[in-house]
Amino acid sequence: MCDFTINCVCRWADVRNYHLTDQLLSIIEDSTRYWQAFGFKGGDIPGVTSGGKSSIQMCCEIAGNLFPLSTVPCKKLGDSIKNRIYAYVIHSILLLSCTDILVSSGSSGVMLHIKNS
């Protein structure tokens, strides 16, 4: 199970928790409403609406499915899920749009060098 702490709701990058990202993506994949809300499907899908819910409210819904036994407040879980979704989307965009990504570190910190395809 996910390592919940005071400062970190879920350690998504921990190798023991890879299955949580898989489950999260499966939950999104099974719902056209989530697909559209989080930008996994380009454009509008006819007949699909958010039901008047904000993205954080939808993330709270997802949290209930992903962490059904958690005692962490829904808002905090929802924020964690929202951040994971956006990180996944940004990572996917970088992988699709770049042919070369080089990470280097030096005295000024970590640098990300991206060569566009």
PDB file of N, CA and C in Angstrom:
ATOM      1  N   MET A   1       0.841  -1.184   0.000  1.00  0.00           N
ATOM      2  CA  MET A   1       0.000   0.000   0.000  1.00  0.00           C
ATOM      3  C   MET A   1       0.876   1.233   0.000  1.00  0.00           C
ATOM      4  N   CYS A   2       0.318   2.326  -0.351  1.00  0.00           N
ATOM      5  CA  CYS A   2       1.037   3.585  -0.451  1.00  0.00           C
ATOM      6  C   CYS A   2       1.532   4.045   0.918  1.00  0.00           C
ATOM      7  N   ASP A   3       2.698   4.631   0.935  1.00  0.00           N
ATOM      8  CA  ASP A   3       3.303   5.127   2.164  1.00  0.00           C
ATOM      9  C   ASP A   3       2.772   6.528   2.446  1.00  0.00           C
ATOM     10  N   PHE A   4       1.738   6.626   3.273  1.00  0.00           N
ATOM     11  CA  PHE A   4       1.158   7.910   3.628  1.00  0.00           C
ATOM     12  C   PHE A   4       1.936   8.527   4.777  1.00  0.00           C
ATOM     13  N   THR A   5       2.273   9.796   4.640  1.00  0.00           N
ATOM     14  CA  THR A   5       2.936  10.527   5.719  1.00  0.00           C
ATOM     15  C   THR A   5       2.247  11.865   5.897  1.00  0.00           C
ATOM     16  N   ILE A   6       2.684  12.615   6.890  1.00  0.00           N
ATOM     17  CA  ILE A   6       2.106  13.937   7.129  1.00  0.00           C
ATOM     18  C   ILE A   6       2.378  14.874   5.956  1.00  0.00           C
ATOM     19  N   ASN A   7       3.610  14.875   5.456  1.00  0.00           N
ATOM     20  CA  ASN A   7       4.006  15.822   4.415  1.00  0.00           C
ATOM     21  C   ASN A   7       3.739  15.337   2.996  1.00  0.00           C
ATOM     22  N   CYS A   8       3.613  14.045   2.824  1.00  0.00           N
ATOM     23  CA  CYS A   8       3.441  13.484   1.484  1.00  0.00           C
ATOM     24  C   CYS A   8       2.283  12.501   1.505  1.00  0.00           C
ATOM     25  N   VAL A   9       1.290  12.752   0.710  1.00  0.00           N
ATOM     26  CA  VAL A   9       0.121  11.874   0.687  1.00  0.00           C
ATOM     27  C   VAL A   9       0.481  10.513   0.114  1.00  0.00           C
ATOM     28  N   CYS A  10       1.178  10.511  -0.982  1.00  0.00           N
ATOM     29  CA  CYS A  10       1.557   9.250  -1.618  1.00  0.00           C
ATOM     30  C   CYS A  10       2.889   9.435  -2.323  1.00  0.00           C
ATOM     31  N   ARG A  11       3.777   8.493  -2.143  1.00  0.00           N
ATOM     32  CA  ARG A  11       5.075   8.536  -2.829  1.00  0.00           C
ATOM     33  C   ARG A  11       4.912   7.795  -4.161  1.00  0.00           C
ATOM     34  N   TRP A  12       4.436   8.531  -5.170  1.00  0.00           N
ATOM     35  CA  TRP A  12       4.108   7.941  -6.466  1.00  0.00           C
ATOM     36  C   TRP A  12       5.326   7.319  -7.133  1.00  0.00           C
ATOM     37  N   ALA A  13       6.509   7.918  -6.948  1.00  0.00           N
ATOM     38  CA  ALA A  13       7.706   7.442  -7.639  1.00  0.00           C
ATOM     39  C   ALA A  13       8.325   6.210  -6.986  1.00  0.00           C
ATOM     40  N   ASP A  14       7.900   5.868  -5.790  1.00  0.00           N
ATOM     41  CA  ASP A  14       8.430   4.697  -5.106  1.00  0.00           C
ATOM     42  C   ASP A  14       8.090   3.446  -5.917  1.00  0.00           C
ATOM     43  N   VAL A  15       9.093   2.608  -6.185  1.00  0.00           N
ATOM     44  CA  VAL A  15       8.867   1.417  -7.021  1.00  0.00           C
ATOM     45  C   VAL A  15       7.819   0.481  -6.428  1.00  0.00           C
ATOM     46  N   ARG A  16       7.610   0.530  -5.126  1.00  0.00           N
ATOM     47  CA  ARG A  16       6.588  -0.319  -4.505  1.00  0.00           C
ATOM     48  C   ARG A  16       5.178   0.176  -4.823  1.00  0.00           C
ATOM     49  N   ASN A  17       5.063   1.382  -5.364  1.00  0.00           N
ATOM     50  CA  ASN A  17       3.754   1.984  -5.625  1.00  0.00           C
ATOM     51  C   ASN A  17       3.438   2.166  -7.106  1.00  0.00           C
ATOM     52  N   TYR A  18       4.221   1.531  -7.983  1.00  0.00           N
ATOM     53  CA  TYR A  18       3.977   1.688  -9.422  1.00  0.00           C
ATOM     54  C   TYR A  18       2.551   1.289  -9.788  1.00  0.00           C
ATOM     55  N   HIS A  19       2.009   0.324  -9.084  1.00  0.00           N
ATOM     56  CA  HIS A  19       0.664  -0.172  -9.388  1.00  0.00           C
ATOM     57  C   HIS A  19      -0.400   0.910  -9.168  1.00  0.00           C
ATOM     58  N   LEU A  20      -0.113   1.894  -8.339  1.00  0.00           N
ATOM     59  CA  LEU A  20      -1.095   2.961  -8.104  1.00  0.00           C
ATOM     60  C   LEU A  20      -1.291   3.827  -9.344  1.00  0.00           C
ATOM     61  N   THR A  21      -0.189   4.113 -10.048  1.00  0.00           N
ATOM     62  CA  THR A  21      -0.325   4.866 -11.299  1.00  0.00           C
ATOM     63  C   THR A  21      -1.100   4.042 -12.309  1.00  0.00           C
ATOM     64  N   ASP A  22      -0.825   2.742 -12.378  1.00  0.00           N
ATOM     65  CA  ASP A  22      -1.569   1.863 -13.289  1.00  0.00           C
ATOM     66  C   ASP A  22      -3.059   1.869 -12.959  1.00  0.00           C
ATOM     67  N   GLN A  23      -3.382   1.763 -11.672  1.00  0.00           N
ATOM     68  CA  GLN A  23      -4.790   1.782 -11.256  1.00  0.00           C
ATOM     69  C   GLN A  23      -5.430   3.128 -11.566  1.00  0.00           C
ATOM     70  N   LEU A  24      -4.692   4.207 -11.325  1.00  0.00           N
ATOM     71  CA  LEU A  24      -5.207   5.549 -11.607  1.00  0.00           C
ATOM     72  C   LEU A  24      -5.528   5.691 -13.092  1.00  0.00           C
ATOM     73  N   LEU A  25      -4.608   5.271 -13.940  1.00  0.00           N
ATOM     74  CA  LEU A  25      -4.841   5.368 -15.386  1.00  0.00           C
ATOM     75  C   LEU A  25      -5.993   4.478 -15.833  1.00  0.00           C
ATOM     76  N   SER A  26      -6.157   3.334 -15.194  1.00  0.00           N
ATOM     77  CA  SER A  26      -7.290   2.447 -15.520  1.00  0.00           C
ATOM     78  C   SER A  26      -8.610   3.104 -15.143  1.00  0.00           C
ATOM     79  N   ILE A  27      -8.654   3.763 -14.004  1.00  0.00           N
ATOM     80  CA  ILE A  27      -9.874   4.466 -13.581  1.00  0.00           C
ATOM     81  C   ILE A  27     -10.222   5.556 -14.583  1.00  0.00           C
ATOM     82  N   ILE A  28      -9.216   6.303 -15.030  1.00  0.00           N
ATOM     83  CA  ILE A  28      -9.444   7.376 -16.008  1.00  0.00           C
ATOM     84  C   ILE A  28      -9.880   6.780 -17.342  1.00  0.00           C
ATOM     85  N   GLU A  29      -9.215   5.710 -17.755  1.00  0.00           N
ATOM     86  CA  GLU A  29      -9.529   5.074 -19.039  1.00  0.00           C
ATOM     87  C   GLU A  29     -10.960   4.552 -19.099  1.00  0.00           C
ATOM     88  N   ASP A  30     -11.484   4.123 -17.958  1.00  0.00           N
ATOM     89  CA  ASP A  30     -12.832   3.563 -17.910  1.00  0.00           C
ATOM     90  C   ASP A  30     -13.931   4.621 -17.890  1.00  0.00           C
ATOM     91  N   SER A  31     -13.557   5.893 -17.858  1.00  0.00           N
ATOM     92  CA  SER A  31     -14.556   6.960 -17.781  1.00  0.00           C
ATOM     93  C   SER A  31     -14.288   8.040 -18.819  1.00  0.00           C
ATOM     94  N   THR A  32     -15.182   8.175 -19.791  1.00  0.00           N
ATOM     95  CA  THR A  32     -15.000   9.229 -20.794  1.00  0.00           C
ATOM     96  C   THR A  32     -15.042  10.618 -20.156  1.00  0.00           C
ATOM     97  N   ARG A  33     -15.752  10.743 -19.051  1.00  0.00           N
ATOM     98  CA  ARG A  33     -15.801  12.028 -18.339  1.00  0.00           C
ATOM     99  C   ARG A  33     -14.412  12.400 -17.826  1.00  0.00           C
ATOM    100  N   TYR A  34     -13.711  11.446 -17.244  1.00  0.00           N
ATOM    101  CA  TYR A  34     -12.353  11.707 -16.765  1.00  0.00           C
ATOM    102  C   TYR A  34     -11.394  11.924 -17.931  1.00  0.00           C
ATOM    103  N   TRP A  35     -11.561  11.134 -19.005  1.00  0.00           N
ATOM    104  CA  TRP A  35     -10.726  11.314 -20.198  1.00  0.00           C
ATOM    105  C   TRP A  35     -10.748  12.771 -20.632  1.00  0.00           C
ATOM    106  N   GLN A  36     -11.957  13.276 -20.777  1.00  0.00           N
ATOM    107  CA  GLN A  36     -12.116  14.638 -21.275  1.00  0.00           C
ATOM    108  C   GLN A  36     -11.636  15.662 -20.259  1.00  0.00           C
ATOM    109  N   ALA A  37     -11.971  15.475 -18.999  1.00  0.00           N
ATOM    110  CA  ALA A  37     -11.626  16.446 -17.964  1.00  0.00           C
ATOM    111  C   ALA A  37     -10.120  16.631 -17.816  1.00  0.00           C
ATOM    112  N   PHE A  38      -9.372  15.546 -17.969  1.00  0.00           N
ATOM    113  CA  PHE A  38      -7.933  15.630 -17.745  1.00  0.00           C
ATOM    114  C   PHE A  38      -7.119  15.673 -19.031  1.00  0.00           C
ATOM    115  N   GLY A  39      -7.785  15.847 -20.162  1.00  0.00           N
ATOM    116  CA  GLY A  39      -7.089  16.074 -21.422  1.00  0.00           C
ATOM    117  C   GLY A  39      -6.504  14.842 -22.094  1.00  0.00           C
ATOM    118  N   PHE A  40      -6.997  13.659 -21.760  1.00  0.00           N
ATOM    119  CA  PHE A  40      -6.502  12.455 -22.405  1.00  0.00           C
ATOM    120  C   PHE A  40      -7.145  12.240 -23.767  1.00  0.00           C
ATOM    121  N   LYS A  41      -8.253  12.898 -24.018  1.00  0.00           N
ATOM    122  CA  LYS A  41      -8.956  12.802 -25.292  1.00  0.00           C
ATOM    123  C   LYS A  41      -9.087  14.207 -25.833  1.00  0.00           C
ATOM    124  N   GLY A  42      -8.507  14.455 -27.005  1.00  0.00           N
ATOM    125  CA  GLY A  42      -8.568  15.785 -27.588  1.00  0.00           C
ATOM    126  C   GLY A  42      -9.977  16.177 -27.990  1.00  0.00           C
ATOM    127  N   GLY A  43     -10.310  17.439 -27.763  1.00  0.00           N
ATOM    128  CA  GLY A  43     -11.617  17.948 -28.150  1.00  0.00           C
ATOM    129  C   GLY A  43     -12.734  17.476 -27.246  1.00  0.00           C
ATOM    130  N   ASP A  44     -13.936  17.876 -27.589  1.00  0.00           N
ATOM    131  CA  ASP A  44     -15.099  17.487 -26.802  1.00  0.00           C
ATOM    132  C   ASP A  44     -15.626  16.137 -27.246  1.00  0.00           C
ATOM    133  N   ILE A  45     -16.099  15.386 -26.279  1.00  0.00           N
ATOM    134  CA  ILE A  45     -16.753  14.107 -26.569  1.00  0.00           C
ATOM    135  C   ILE A  45     -18.246  14.382 -26.450  1.00  0.00           C
ATOM    136  N   PRO A  46     -19.011  14.191 -27.518  1.00  0.00           N
ATOM    137  CA  PRO A  46     -20.439  14.505 -27.481  1.00  0.00           C
ATOM    138  C   PRO A  46     -21.154  13.810 -26.320  1.00  0.00           C
ATOM    139  N   GLY A  47     -21.950  14.578 -25.586  1.00  0.00           N
ATOM    140  CA  GLY A  47     -22.750  14.037 -24.504  1.00  0.00           C
ATOM    141  C   GLY A  47     -22.009  13.848 -23.193  1.00  0.00           C
ATOM    142  N   VAL A  48     -20.720  14.193 -23.143  1.00  0.00           N
ATOM    143  CA  VAL A  48     -19.935  14.012 -21.916  1.00  0.00           C
ATOM    144  C   VAL A  48     -19.735  15.365 -21.246  1.00  0.00           C
ATOM    145  N   THR A  49     -20.097  15.426 -19.976  1.00  0.00           N
ATOM    146  CA  THR A  49     -19.894  16.650 -19.201  1.00  0.00           C
ATOM    147  C   THR A  49     -19.251  16.304 -17.861  1.00  0.00           C
ATOM    148  N   SER A  50     -18.807  17.330 -17.175  1.00  0.00           N
ATOM    149  CA  SER A  50     -18.221  17.125 -15.853  1.00  0.00           C
ATOM    150  C   SER A  50     -19.292  17.009 -14.785  1.00  0.00           C
ATOM    151  N   GLY A  51     -20.533  17.227 -15.159  1.00  0.00           N
ATOM    152  CA  GLY A  51     -21.614  17.206 -14.176  1.00  0.00           C
ATOM    153  C   GLY A  51     -21.533  18.391 -13.232  1.00  0.00           C
ATOM    154  N   GLY A  52     -20.861  19.451 -13.678  1.00  0.00           N
ATOM    155  CA  GLY A  52     -20.713  20.647 -12.847  1.00  0.00           C
ATOM    156  C   GLY A  52     -19.612  20.536 -11.811  1.00  0.00           C
ATOM    157  N   LYS A  53     -18.826  19.471 -11.869  1.00  0.00           N
ATOM    158  CA  LYS A  53     -17.768  19.268 -10.881  1.00  0.00           C
ATOM    159  C   LYS A  53     -16.444  19.834 -11.382  1.00  0.00           C
ATOM    160  N   SER A  54     -15.674  20.368 -10.444  1.00  0.00           N
ATOM    161  CA  SER A  54     -14.342  20.857 -10.775  1.00  0.00           C
ATOM    162  C   SER A  54     -13.390  19.674 -10.892  1.00  0.00           C
ATOM    163  N   SER A  55     -12.196  19.923 -11.419  1.00  0.00           N
ATOM    164  CA  SER A  55     -11.236  18.834 -11.565  1.00  0.00           C
ATOM    165  C   SER A  55     -10.844  18.272 -10.194  1.00  0.00           C
ATOM    166  N   ILE A  56     -10.743  19.121  -9.173  1.00  0.00           N
ATOM    167  CA  ILE A  56     -10.374  18.622  -7.848  1.00  0.00           C
ATOM    168  C   ILE A  56     -11.496  17.771  -7.251  1.00  0.00           C
ATOM    169  N   GLN A  57     -12.749  18.105  -7.539  1.00  0.00           N
ATOM    170  CA  GLN A  57     -13.865  17.273  -7.075  1.00  0.00           C
ATOM    171  C   GLN A  57     -13.837  15.903  -7.751  1.00  0.00           C
ATOM    172  N   MET A  58     -13.492  15.902  -9.042  1.00  0.00           N
ATOM    173  CA  MET A  58     -13.381  14.620  -9.737  1.00  0.00           C
ATOM    174  C   MET A  58     -12.195  13.816  -9.202  1.00  0.00           C
ATOM    175  N   CYS A  59     -11.119  14.501  -8.837  1.00  0.00           N
ATOM    176  CA  CYS A  59      -9.963  13.816  -8.246  1.00  0.00           C
ATOM    177  C   CYS A  59     -10.331  13.209  -6.895  1.00  0.00           C
ATOM    178  N   CYS A  60     -11.201  13.888  -6.150  1.00  0.00           N
ATOM    179  CA  CYS A  60     -11.681  13.332  -4.880  1.00  0.00           C
ATOM    180  C   CYS A  60     -12.505  12.065  -5.124  1.00  0.00           C
ATOM    181  N   GLU A  61     -13.299  12.061  -6.199  1.00  0.00           N
ATOM    182  CA  GLU A  61     -14.051  10.851  -6.563  1.00  0.00           C
ATOM    183  C   GLU A  61     -13.086   9.705  -6.859  1.00  0.00           C
ATOM    184  N   ILE A  62     -12.059  10.014  -7.639  1.00  0.00           N
ATOM    185  CA  ILE A  62     -11.065   9.002  -7.989  1.00  0.00           C
ATOM    186  C   ILE A  62     -10.364   8.505  -6.730  1.00  0.00           C
ATOM    187  N   ALA A  63     -10.072   9.422  -5.810  1.00  0.00           N
ATOM    188  CA  ALA A  63      -9.392   9.059  -4.553  1.00  0.00           C
ATOM    189  C   ALA A  63     -10.187   8.013  -3.785  1.00  0.00           C
ATOM    190  N   GLY A  64     -11.501   8.153  -3.785  1.00  0.00           N
ATOM    191  CA  GLY A  64     -12.348   7.183  -3.102  1.00  0.00           C
ATOM    192  C   GLY A  64     -12.214   5.787  -3.678  1.00  0.00           C
ATOM    193  N   ASN A  65     -11.984   5.706  -4.991  1.00  0.00           N
ATOM    194  CA  ASN A  65     -11.794   4.411  -5.655  1.00  0.00           C
ATOM    195  C   ASN A  65     -10.374   3.883  -5.490  1.00  0.00           C
ATOM    196  N   LEU A  66      -9.403   4.783  -5.531  1.00  0.00           N
ATOM    197  CA  LEU A  66      -8.006   4.378  -5.481  1.00  0.00           C
ATOM    198  C   LEU A  66      -7.524   4.069  -4.068  1.00  0.00           C
ATOM    199  N   PHE A  67      -8.027   4.839  -3.099  1.00  0.00           N
ATOM    200  CA  PHE A  67      -7.621   4.669  -1.700  1.00  0.00           C
ATOM    201  C   PHE A  67      -8.861   4.520  -0.815  1.00  0.00           C
ATOM    202  N   PRO A  68      -9.620   3.438  -0.973  1.00  0.00           N
ATOM    203  CA  PRO A  68     -10.895   3.323  -0.261  1.00  0.00           C
ATOM    204  C   PRO A  68     -10.778   3.261   1.265  1.00  0.00           C
ATOM    205  N   LEU A  69      -9.650   2.845   1.797  1.00  0.00           N
ATOM    206  CA  LEU A  69      -9.501   2.707   3.243  1.00  0.00           C
ATOM    207  C   LEU A  69      -8.717   3.853   3.874  1.00  0.00           C
ATOM    208  N   SER A  70      -8.358   4.849   3.079  1.00  0.00           N
ATOM    209  CA  SER A  70      -7.540   5.947   3.589  1.00  0.00           C
ATOM    210  C   SER A  70      -8.316   6.844   4.548  1.00  0.00           C
ATOM    211  N   THR A  71      -7.610   7.335   5.552  1.00  0.00           N
ATOM    212  CA  THR A  71      -8.187   8.309   6.483  1.00  0.00           C
ATOM    213  C   THR A  71      -7.689   9.715   6.183  1.00  0.00           C
ATOM    214  N   VAL A  72      -6.885   9.858   5.131  1.00  0.00           N
ATOM    215  CA  VAL A  72      -6.388  11.172   4.709  1.00  0.00           C
ATOM    216  C   VAL A  72      -7.563  11.949   4.132  1.00  0.00           C
ATOM    217  N   PRO A  73      -7.670  13.252   4.454  1.00  0.00           N
ATOM    218  CA  PRO A  73      -8.784  14.053   3.922  1.00  0.00           C
ATOM    219  C   PRO A  73      -8.856  14.007   2.392  1.00  0.00           C
ATOM    220  N   CYS A  74     -10.074  13.974   1.889  1.00  0.00           N
ATOM    221  CA  CYS A  74     -10.327  13.878   0.446  1.00  0.00           C
ATOM    222  C   CYS A  74      -9.605  14.977  -0.329  1.00  0.00           C
ATOM    223  N   LYS A  75      -9.611  16.186   0.159  1.00  0.00           N
ATOM    224  CA  LYS A  75      -8.970  17.312  -0.541  1.00  0.00           C
ATOM    225  C   LYS A  75      -7.474  17.042  -0.728  1.00  0.00           C
ATOM    226  N   LYS A  76      -6.839  16.515   0.303  1.00  0.00           N
ATOM    227  CA  LYS A  76      -5.404  16.232   0.222  1.00  0.00           C
ATOM    228  C   LYS A  76      -5.130  15.086  -0.762  1.00  0.00           C
ATOM    229  N   LEU A  77      -5.948  14.043  -0.710  1.00  0.00           N
ATOM    230  CA  LEU A  77      -5.809  12.941  -1.670  1.00  0.00           C
ATOM    231  C   LEU A  77      -6.086  13.431  -3.093  1.00  0.00           C
ATOM    232  N   GLY A  78      -7.116  14.257  -3.238  1.00  0.00           N
ATOM    233  CA  GLY A  78      -7.467  14.798  -4.551  1.00  0.00           C
ATOM    234  C   GLY A  78      -6.340  15.625  -5.140  1.00  0.00           C
ATOM    235  N   ASP A  79      -5.702  16.448  -4.300  1.00  0.00           N
ATOM    236  CA  ASP A  79      -4.560  17.246  -4.772  1.00  0.00           C
ATOM    237  C   ASP A  79      -3.419  16.345  -5.230  1.00  0.00           C
ATOM    238  N   SER A  80      -3.164  15.280  -4.479  1.00  0.00           N
ATOM    239  CA  SER A  80      -2.100  14.351  -4.839  1.00  0.00           C
ATOM    240  C   SER A  80      -2.400  13.679  -6.183  1.00  0.00           C
ATOM    241  N   ILE A  81      -3.639  13.272  -6.370  1.00  0.00           N
ATOM    242  CA  ILE A  81      -4.037  12.634  -7.624  1.00  0.00           C
ATOM    243  C   ILE A  81      -3.959  13.627  -8.783  1.00  0.00           C
ATOM    244  N   LYS A  82      -4.430  14.834  -8.561  1.00  0.00           N
ATOM    245  CA  LYS A  82      -4.350  15.876  -9.606  1.00  0.00           C
ATOM    246  C   LYS A  82      -2.892  16.097 -10.017  1.00  0.00           C
ATOM    247  N   ASN A  83      -2.006  16.208  -9.036  1.00  0.00           N
ATOM    248  CA  ASN A  83      -0.588  16.426  -9.335  1.00  0.00           C
ATOM    249  C   ASN A  83       0.012  15.247 -10.092  1.00  0.00           C
ATOM    250  N   ARG A  84      -0.391  14.024  -9.738  1.00  0.00           N
ATOM    251  CA  ARG A  84       0.124  12.846 -10.438  1.00  0.00           C
ATOM    252  C   ARG A  84      -0.368  12.809 -11.879  1.00  0.00           C
ATOM    253  N   ILE A  85      -1.628  13.133 -12.080  1.00  0.00           N
ATOM    254  CA  ILE A  85      -2.174  13.159 -13.444  1.00  0.00           C
ATOM    255  C   ILE A  85      -1.433  14.180 -14.282  1.00  0.00           C
ATOM    256  N   TYR A  86      -1.263  15.400 -13.764  1.00  0.00           N
ATOM    257  CA  TYR A  86      -0.595  16.447 -14.539  1.00  0.00           C
ATOM    258  C   TYR A  86       0.869  16.107 -14.790  1.00  0.00           C
ATOM    259  N   ALA A  87       1.543  15.495 -13.807  1.00  0.00           N
ATOM    260  CA  ALA A  87       2.935  15.081 -14.012  1.00  0.00           C
ATOM    261  C   ALA A  87       3.009  14.019 -15.105  1.00  0.00           C
ATOM    262  N   TYR A  88       2.070  13.087 -15.110  1.00  0.00           N
ATOM    263  CA  TYR A  88       2.031  12.032 -16.119  1.00  0.00           C
ATOM    264  C   TYR A  88       1.800  12.630 -17.518  1.00  0.00           C
ATOM    265  N   VAL A  89       0.870  13.569 -17.607  1.00  0.00           N
ATOM    266  CA  VAL A  89       0.566  14.204 -18.893  1.00  0.00           C
ATOM    267  C   VAL A  89       1.786  14.969 -19.410  1.00  0.00           C
ATOM    268  N   ILE A  90       2.430  15.748 -18.548  1.00  0.00           N
ATOM    269  CA  ILE A  90       3.612  16.521 -18.957  1.00  0.00           C
ATOM    270  C   ILE A  90       4.735  15.572 -19.376  1.00  0.00           C
ATOM    271  N   HIS A  91       4.957  14.517 -18.612  1.00  0.00           N
ATOM    272  CA  HIS A  91       5.987  13.531 -18.946  1.00  0.00           C
ATOM    273  C   HIS A  91       5.699  12.908 -20.317  1.00  0.00           C
ATOM    274  N   SER A  92       4.445  12.563 -20.562  1.00  0.00           N
ATOM    275  CA  SER A  92       4.061  11.957 -21.845  1.00  0.00           C
ATOM    276  C   SER A  92       4.291  12.918 -22.997  1.00  0.00           C
ATOM    277  N   ILE A  93       3.953  14.177 -22.796  1.00  0.00           N
ATOM    278  CA  ILE A  93       4.158  15.190 -23.842  1.00  0.00           C
ATOM    279  C   ILE A  93       5.642  15.331 -24.149  1.00  0.00           C
ATOM    280  N   LEU A  94       6.470  15.379 -23.107  1.00  0.00           N
ATOM    281  CA  LEU A  94       7.912  15.478 -23.320  1.00  0.00           C
ATOM    282  C   LEU A  94       8.437  14.285 -24.104  1.00  0.00           C
ATOM    283  N   LEU A  95       7.988  13.090 -23.764  1.00  0.00           N
ATOM    284  CA  LEU A  95       8.465  11.898 -24.469  1.00  0.00           C
ATOM    285  C   LEU A  95       8.025  11.879 -25.927  1.00  0.00           C
ATOM    286  N   LEU A  96       6.821  12.365 -26.191  1.00  0.00           N
ATOM    287  CA  LEU A  96       6.311  12.363 -27.559  1.00  0.00           C
ATOM    288  C   LEU A  96       6.923  13.447 -28.427  1.00  0.00           C
ATOM    289  N   SER A  97       7.341  14.563 -27.809  1.00  0.00           N
ATOM    290  CA  SER A  97       7.793  15.697 -28.603  1.00  0.00           C
ATOM    291  C   SER A  97       9.307  15.841 -28.661  1.00  0.00           C
ATOM    292  N   CYS A  98      10.034  15.009 -27.970  1.00  0.00           N
ATOM    293  CA  CYS A  98      11.486  15.153 -27.920  1.00  0.00           C
ATOM    294  C   CYS A  98      12.179  13.880 -28.376  1.00  0.00           C
ATOM    295  N   THR A  99      13.283  14.083 -29.075  1.00  0.00           N
ATOM    296  CA  THR A  99      14.079  12.934 -29.471  1.00  0.00           C
ATOM    297  C   THR A  99      15.258  12.751 -28.538  1.00  0.00           C
ATOM    298  N   ASP A 100      15.640  13.794 -27.829  1.00  0.00           N
ATOM    299  CA  ASP A 100      16.816  13.708 -26.980  1.00  0.00           C
ATOM    300  C   ASP A 100      16.594  14.536 -25.718  1.00  0.00           C
ATOM    301  N   ILE A 101      16.642  13.886 -24.574  1.00  0.00           N
ATOM    302  CA  ILE A 101      16.541  14.582 -23.295  1.00  0.00           C
ATOM    303  C   ILE A 101      17.792  14.236 -22.508  1.00  0.00           C
ATOM    304  N   LEU A 102      18.539  15.242 -22.114  1.00  0.00           N
ATOM    305  CA  LEU A 102      19.768  15.034 -21.371  1.00  0.00           C
ATOM    306  C   LEU A 102      19.654  15.767 -20.043  1.00  0.00           C
ATOM    307  N   VAL A 103      19.876  15.062 -18.966  1.00  0.00           N
ATOM    308  CA  VAL A 103      19.857  15.664 -17.647  1.00  0.00           C
ATOM    309  C   VAL A 103      21.289  15.707 -17.153  1.00  0.00           C
ATOM    310  N   SER A 104      21.728  16.918 -16.778  1.00  0.00           N
ATOM    311  CA  SER A 104      23.083  17.060 -16.257  1.00  0.00           C
ATOM    312  C   SER A 104      23.033  17.855 -14.969  1.00  0.00           C
ATOM    313  N   SER A 105      23.991  17.622 -14.116  1.00  0.00           N
ATOM    314  CA  SER A 105      24.051  18.387 -12.873  1.00  0.00           C
ATOM    315  C   SER A 105      25.404  19.063 -12.775  1.00  0.00           C
ATOM    316  N   GLY A 106      25.390  20.208 -12.163  1.00  0.00           N
ATOM    317  CA  GLY A 106      26.615  20.981 -11.988  1.00  0.00           C
ATOM    318  C   GLY A 106      26.475  21.876 -10.781  1.00  0.00           C
ATOM    319  N   SER A 107      27.359  22.846 -10.680  1.00  0.00           N
ATOM    320  CA  SER A 107      27.354  23.734  -9.522  1.00  0.00           C
ATOM    321  C   SER A 107      26.085  24.575  -9.443  1.00  0.00           C
ATOM    322  N   SER A 108      25.419  24.799 -10.587  1.00  0.00           N
ATOM    323  CA  SER A 108      24.205  25.618 -10.589  1.00  0.00           C
ATOM    324  C   SER A 108      22.933  24.780 -10.407  1.00  0.00           C
ATOM    325  N   GLY A 109      23.087  23.484 -10.189  1.00  0.00           N
ATOM    326  CA  GLY A 109      21.923  22.623  -9.991  1.00  0.00           C
ATOM    327  C   GLY A 109      21.730  21.665 -11.141  1.00  0.00           C
ATOM    328  N   VAL A 110      20.534  21.138 -11.255  1.00  0.00           N
ATOM    329  CA  VAL A 110      20.204  20.162 -12.294  1.00  0.00           C
ATOM    330  C   VAL A 110      19.661  20.903 -13.511  1.00  0.00           C
ATOM    331  N   MET A 111      20.156  20.547 -14.685  1.00  0.00           N
ATOM    332  CA  MET A 111      19.705  21.166 -15.931  1.00  0.00           C
ATOM    333  C   MET A 111      19.040  20.112 -16.802  1.00  0.00           C
ATOM    334  N   LEU A 112      17.964  20.485 -17.451  1.00  0.00           N
ATOM    335  CA  LEU A 112      17.260  19.602 -18.383  1.00  0.00           C
ATOM    336  C   LEU A 112      17.449  20.177 -19.781  1.00  0.00           C
ATOM    337  N   HIS A 113      18.162  19.454 -20.636  1.00  0.00           N
ATOM    338  CA  HIS A 113      18.395  19.890 -22.010  1.00  0.00           C
ATOM    339  C   HIS A 113      17.514  19.077 -22.932  1.00  0.00           C
ATOM    340  N   ILE A 114      16.669  19.758 -23.706  1.00  0.00           N
ATOM    341  CA  ILE A 114      15.723  19.062 -24.569  1.00  0.00           C
ATOM    342  C   ILE A 114      16.005  19.428 -26.016  1.00  0.00           C
ATOM    343  N   LYS A 115      16.144  18.417 -26.842  1.00  0.00           N
ATOM    344  CA  LYS A 115      16.299  18.613 -28.287  1.00  0.00           C
ATOM    345  C   LYS A 115      14.994  18.199 -28.931  1.00  0.00           C
ATOM    346  N   ASN A 116      14.320  19.131 -29.593  1.00  0.00           N
ATOM    347  CA  ASN A 116      13.031  18.829 -30.245  1.00  0.00           C
ATOM    348  C   ASN A 116      13.228  17.954 -31.462  1.00  0.00           C
ATOM    349  N   SER A 117      12.195  17.137 -31.722  1.00  0.00           N
ATOM    350  CA  SER A 117      12.250  16.265 -32.893  1.00  0.00           C
ATOM    351  C   SER A 117      11.904  17.024 -34.132  1.00  0.00           C
TER     352      SER A 117
END
